[in-house]
Amino acid sequence: MFNRVRSWILGGFKTGGAELNMGSRLLSTFLNAGLPRPTMIAASRVESGPDSQAYASMAQIVRSLLPLLERNGAATVEEVAIDTLADRMRQDAVANESVTFAPRLVGAWSRLPKS
């Protein structure tokens, strides 16, 4: 269930024009902009169990992408069944003792040299 929802989210973002691998492109983006080599950090939230907020969070992301997903044929409103999606994800994850990994978040920063 998690993999299916993840594919909807990634497909929706990609169709919408988002750069799915921007974290890996930050170095070249900084350097191409004439900025110094950045300091970088990455993190990902990892959750499990019935009390995880990941299910509701992912369902809300799908809700916001649903018109785009439907328009591009990636999923139908009936297939997604958005009003029960978070609960179905929770039931599936708990039944299978699954661990959910949120997308990796990457931050980067640099400082211009003092002149």
C-alpha atoms as a PDB file:
ATOM      1  CA  MET A   1       0.000   0.000   0.000  1.00  0.00           C
ATOM      2  CA  PHE A   2       2.801   2.390   0.950  1.00  0.00           C
ATOM      3  CA  ASN A   3       4.625   1.758  -2.328  1.00  0.00           C
ATOM      4  CA  ARG A   4       1.469   2.400  -4.338  1.00  0.00           C
ATOM      5  CA  VAL A   5       0.795   5.695  -2.540  1.00  0.00           C
ATOM      6  CA  ARG A   6       4.453   6.670  -2.875  1.00  0.00           C
ATOM      7  CA  SER A   7       4.284   6.066  -6.630  1.00  0.00           C
ATOM      8  CA  TRP A   8       1.203   8.310  -6.889  1.00  0.00           C
ATOM      9  CA  ILE A   9       2.987  11.074  -4.993  1.00  0.00           C
ATOM     10  CA  LEU A  10       6.222  10.850  -6.974  1.00  0.00           C
ATOM     11  CA  GLY A  11       4.322  10.589 -10.251  1.00  0.00           C
ATOM     12  CA  GLY A  12       2.213  13.617  -9.374  1.00  0.00           C
ATOM     13  CA  PHE A  13       5.235  15.708  -8.445  1.00  0.00           C
ATOM     14  CA  LYS A  14       7.107  14.641 -11.582  1.00  0.00           C
ATOM     15  CA  THR A  15       4.130  15.391 -13.824  1.00  0.00           C
ATOM     16  CA  GLY A  16       3.792  18.762 -12.129  1.00  0.00           C
ATOM     17  CA  GLY A  17       7.394  19.588 -13.041  1.00  0.00           C
ATOM     18  CA  ALA A  18       9.092  19.140  -9.657  1.00  0.00           C
ATOM     19  CA  GLU A  19      12.747  18.117  -9.627  1.00  0.00           C
ATOM     20  CA  LEU A  20      12.598  14.814  -7.731  1.00  0.00           C
ATOM     21  CA  ASN A  21      16.326  14.618  -7.150  1.00  0.00           C
ATOM     22  CA  MET A  22      17.076  18.239  -6.264  1.00  0.00           C
ATOM     23  CA  GLY A  23      18.993  17.237  -3.137  1.00  0.00           C
ATOM     24  CA  SER A  24      21.619  15.574  -5.316  1.00  0.00           C
ATOM     25  CA  ARG A  25      21.675  18.581  -7.634  1.00  0.00           C
ATOM     26  CA  LEU A  26      22.221  21.227  -4.940  1.00  0.00           C
ATOM     27  CA  LEU A  27      26.009  21.168  -5.242  1.00  0.00           C
ATOM     28  CA  SER A  28      25.997  21.864  -8.973  1.00  0.00           C
ATOM     29  CA  THR A  29      23.195  24.430  -8.539  1.00  0.00           C
ATOM     30  CA  PHE A  30      25.251  26.382  -6.008  1.00  0.00           C
ATOM     31  CA  LEU A  31      28.451  26.160  -8.058  1.00  0.00           C
ATOM     32  CA  ASN A  32      26.680  27.098 -11.313  1.00  0.00           C
ATOM     33  CA  ALA A  33      25.231  30.138  -9.539  1.00  0.00           C
ATOM     34  CA  GLY A  34      28.745  31.259  -8.655  1.00  0.00           C
ATOM     35  CA  LEU A  35      28.355  30.461  -4.960  1.00  0.00           C
ATOM     36  CA  PRO A  36      30.982  28.727  -2.830  1.00  0.00           C
ATOM     37  CA  ARG A  37      30.782  24.976  -2.314  1.00  0.00           C
ATOM     38  CA  PRO A  38      27.901  24.503   0.149  1.00  0.00           C
ATOM     39  CA  THR A  39      27.763  22.744   3.464  1.00  0.00           C
ATOM     40  CA  MET A  40      25.035  20.138   3.212  1.00  0.00           C
ATOM     41  CA  ILE A  41      22.935  17.992   5.521  1.00  0.00           C
ATOM     42  CA  ALA A  42      20.257  15.362   4.906  1.00  0.00           C
ATOM     43  CA  ALA A  43      17.611  13.733   7.068  1.00  0.00           C
ATOM     44  CA  SER A  44      14.591  11.470   6.742  1.00  0.00           C
ATOM     45  CA  ARG A  45      11.849  10.807   9.246  1.00  0.00           C
ATOM     46  CA  VAL A  46      11.262   7.114   9.951  1.00  0.00           C
ATOM     47  CA  GLU A  47       7.997   5.968  11.548  1.00  0.00           C
ATOM     48  CA  SER A  48       5.945   2.898  12.330  1.00  0.00           C
ATOM     49  CA  GLY A  49       2.915   1.762  14.234  1.00  0.00           C
ATOM     50  CA  PRO A  50      -0.677   2.849  14.603  1.00  0.00           C
ATOM     51  CA  ASP A  51       0.102   6.326  15.961  1.00  0.00           C
ATOM     52  CA  SER A  52       2.331   7.442  13.089  1.00  0.00           C
ATOM     53  CA  GLN A  53       1.364  10.705  11.415  1.00  0.00           C
ATOM     54  CA  ALA A  54       2.879   9.502   8.130  1.00  0.00           C
ATOM     55  CA  TYR A  55      -0.395   7.976   6.905  1.00  0.00           C
ATOM     56  CA  ALA A  56      -2.405  11.169   7.297  1.00  0.00           C
ATOM     57  CA  SER A  57       0.423  13.249   5.867  1.00  0.00           C
ATOM     58  CA  MET A  58       0.766  11.090   2.769  1.00  0.00           C
ATOM     59  CA  ALA A  59      -3.000  10.978   2.270  1.00  0.00           C
ATOM     60  CA  GLN A  60      -3.140  14.782   2.355  1.00  0.00           C
ATOM     61  CA  ILE A  61      -0.362  15.008  -0.217  1.00  0.00           C
ATOM     62  CA  VAL A  62      -2.301  12.601  -2.460  1.00  0.00           C
ATOM     63  CA  ARG A  63      -5.455  14.668  -1.883  1.00  0.00           C
ATOM     64  CA  SER A  64      -3.684  17.780  -3.178  1.00  0.00           C
ATOM     65  CA  LEU A  65      -2.318  15.878  -6.197  1.00  0.00           C
ATOM     66  CA  LEU A  66      -5.509  13.968  -7.003  1.00  0.00           C
ATOM     67  CA  PRO A  67      -6.774  16.287  -9.772  1.00  0.00           C
ATOM     68  CA  LEU A  68      -3.384  16.040 -11.493  1.00  0.00           C
ATOM     69  CA  LEU A  69      -3.203  12.265 -11.017  1.00  0.00           C
ATOM     70  CA  GLU A  70      -6.658  11.805 -12.469  1.00  0.00           C
ATOM     71  CA  ARG A  71      -6.062  14.197 -15.370  1.00  0.00           C
ATOM     72  CA  ASN A  72      -2.902  12.292 -16.338  1.00  0.00           C
ATOM     73  CA  GLY A  73      -4.422   8.844 -15.899  1.00  0.00           C
ATOM     74  CA  ALA A  74      -2.136   7.845 -13.015  1.00  0.00           C
ATOM     75  CA  ALA A  75      -5.043   7.101 -10.661  1.00  0.00           C
ATOM     76  CA  THR A  76      -8.795   7.519 -10.434  1.00  0.00           C
ATOM     77  CA  VAL A  77     -10.807   9.062  -7.605  1.00  0.00           C
ATOM     78  CA  GLU A  78     -12.434   5.655  -7.043  1.00  0.00           C
ATOM     79  CA  GLU A  79      -9.100   3.855  -6.938  1.00  0.00           C
ATOM     80  CA  VAL A  80      -7.593   6.310  -4.456  1.00  0.00           C
ATOM     81  CA  ALA A  81     -10.698   6.505  -2.227  1.00  0.00           C
ATOM     82  CA  ILE A  82      -9.125   9.502  -0.520  1.00  0.00           C
ATOM     83  CA  ASP A  83     -11.487   9.613   2.469  1.00  0.00           C
ATOM     84  CA  THR A  84     -10.266   6.199   3.666  1.00  0.00           C
ATOM     85  CA  LEU A  85      -6.707   6.260   2.319  1.00  0.00           C
ATOM     86  CA  ALA A  86      -4.937   7.134   5.581  1.00  0.00           C
ATOM     87  CA  ASP A  87      -6.862   4.468   7.497  1.00  0.00           C
ATOM     88  CA  ARG A  88      -6.142   1.825   4.845  1.00  0.00           C
ATOM     89  CA  MET A  89      -2.459   2.735   4.896  1.00  0.00           C
ATOM     90  CA  ARG A  90      -2.418   2.510   8.711  1.00  0.00           C
ATOM     91  CA  GLN A  91      -4.152  -0.900   8.700  1.00  0.00           C
ATOM     92  CA  ASP A  92      -1.774  -2.261   6.071  1.00  0.00           C
ATOM     93  CA  ALA A  93       1.328  -0.924   7.808  1.00  0.00           C
ATOM     94  CA  VAL A  94       0.316  -2.219  11.231  1.00  0.00           C
ATOM     95  CA  ALA A  95      -0.707  -5.634   9.871  1.00  0.00           C
ATOM     96  CA  ASN A  96       2.656  -5.973   8.124  1.00  0.00           C
ATOM     97  CA  GLU A  97       4.759  -4.259  10.817  1.00  0.00           C
ATOM     98  CA  SER A  98       5.977  -1.853   8.148  1.00  0.00           C
ATOM     99  CA  VAL A  99       8.336   1.038   8.609  1.00  0.00           C
ATOM    100  CA  THR A 100       7.718   4.200   6.595  1.00  0.00           C
ATOM    101  CA  PHE A 101      10.546   6.408   5.426  1.00  0.00           C
ATOM    102  CA  ALA A 102       9.697   9.988   4.554  1.00  0.00           C
ATOM    103  CA  PRO A 103      11.526  11.500   1.598  1.00  0.00           C
ATOM    104  CA  ARG A 104      15.106  12.536   2.248  1.00  0.00           C
ATOM    105  CA  LEU A 105      15.282  16.255   2.931  1.00  0.00           C
ATOM    106  CA  VAL A 106      18.506  17.984   1.970  1.00  0.00           C
ATOM    107  CA  GLY A 107      19.598  21.414   3.121  1.00  0.00           C
ATOM    108  CA  ALA A 108      22.522  23.367   1.729  1.00  0.00           C
ATOM    109  CA  TRP A 109      24.100  26.703   2.548  1.00  0.00           C
ATOM    110  CA  SER A 110      27.226  28.651   1.832  1.00  0.00           C
ATOM    111  CA  ARG A 111      28.709  32.047   2.598  1.00  0.00           C
ATOM    112  CA  LEU A 112      30.182  34.498   0.185  1.00  0.00           C
ATOM    113  CA  PRO A 113      33.769  35.405   1.085  1.00  0.00           C
ATOM    114  CA  LYS A 114      34.152  38.764   2.813  1.00  0.00           C
ATOM    115  CA  SER A 115      35.522  41.329   0.437  1.00  0.00           C
END
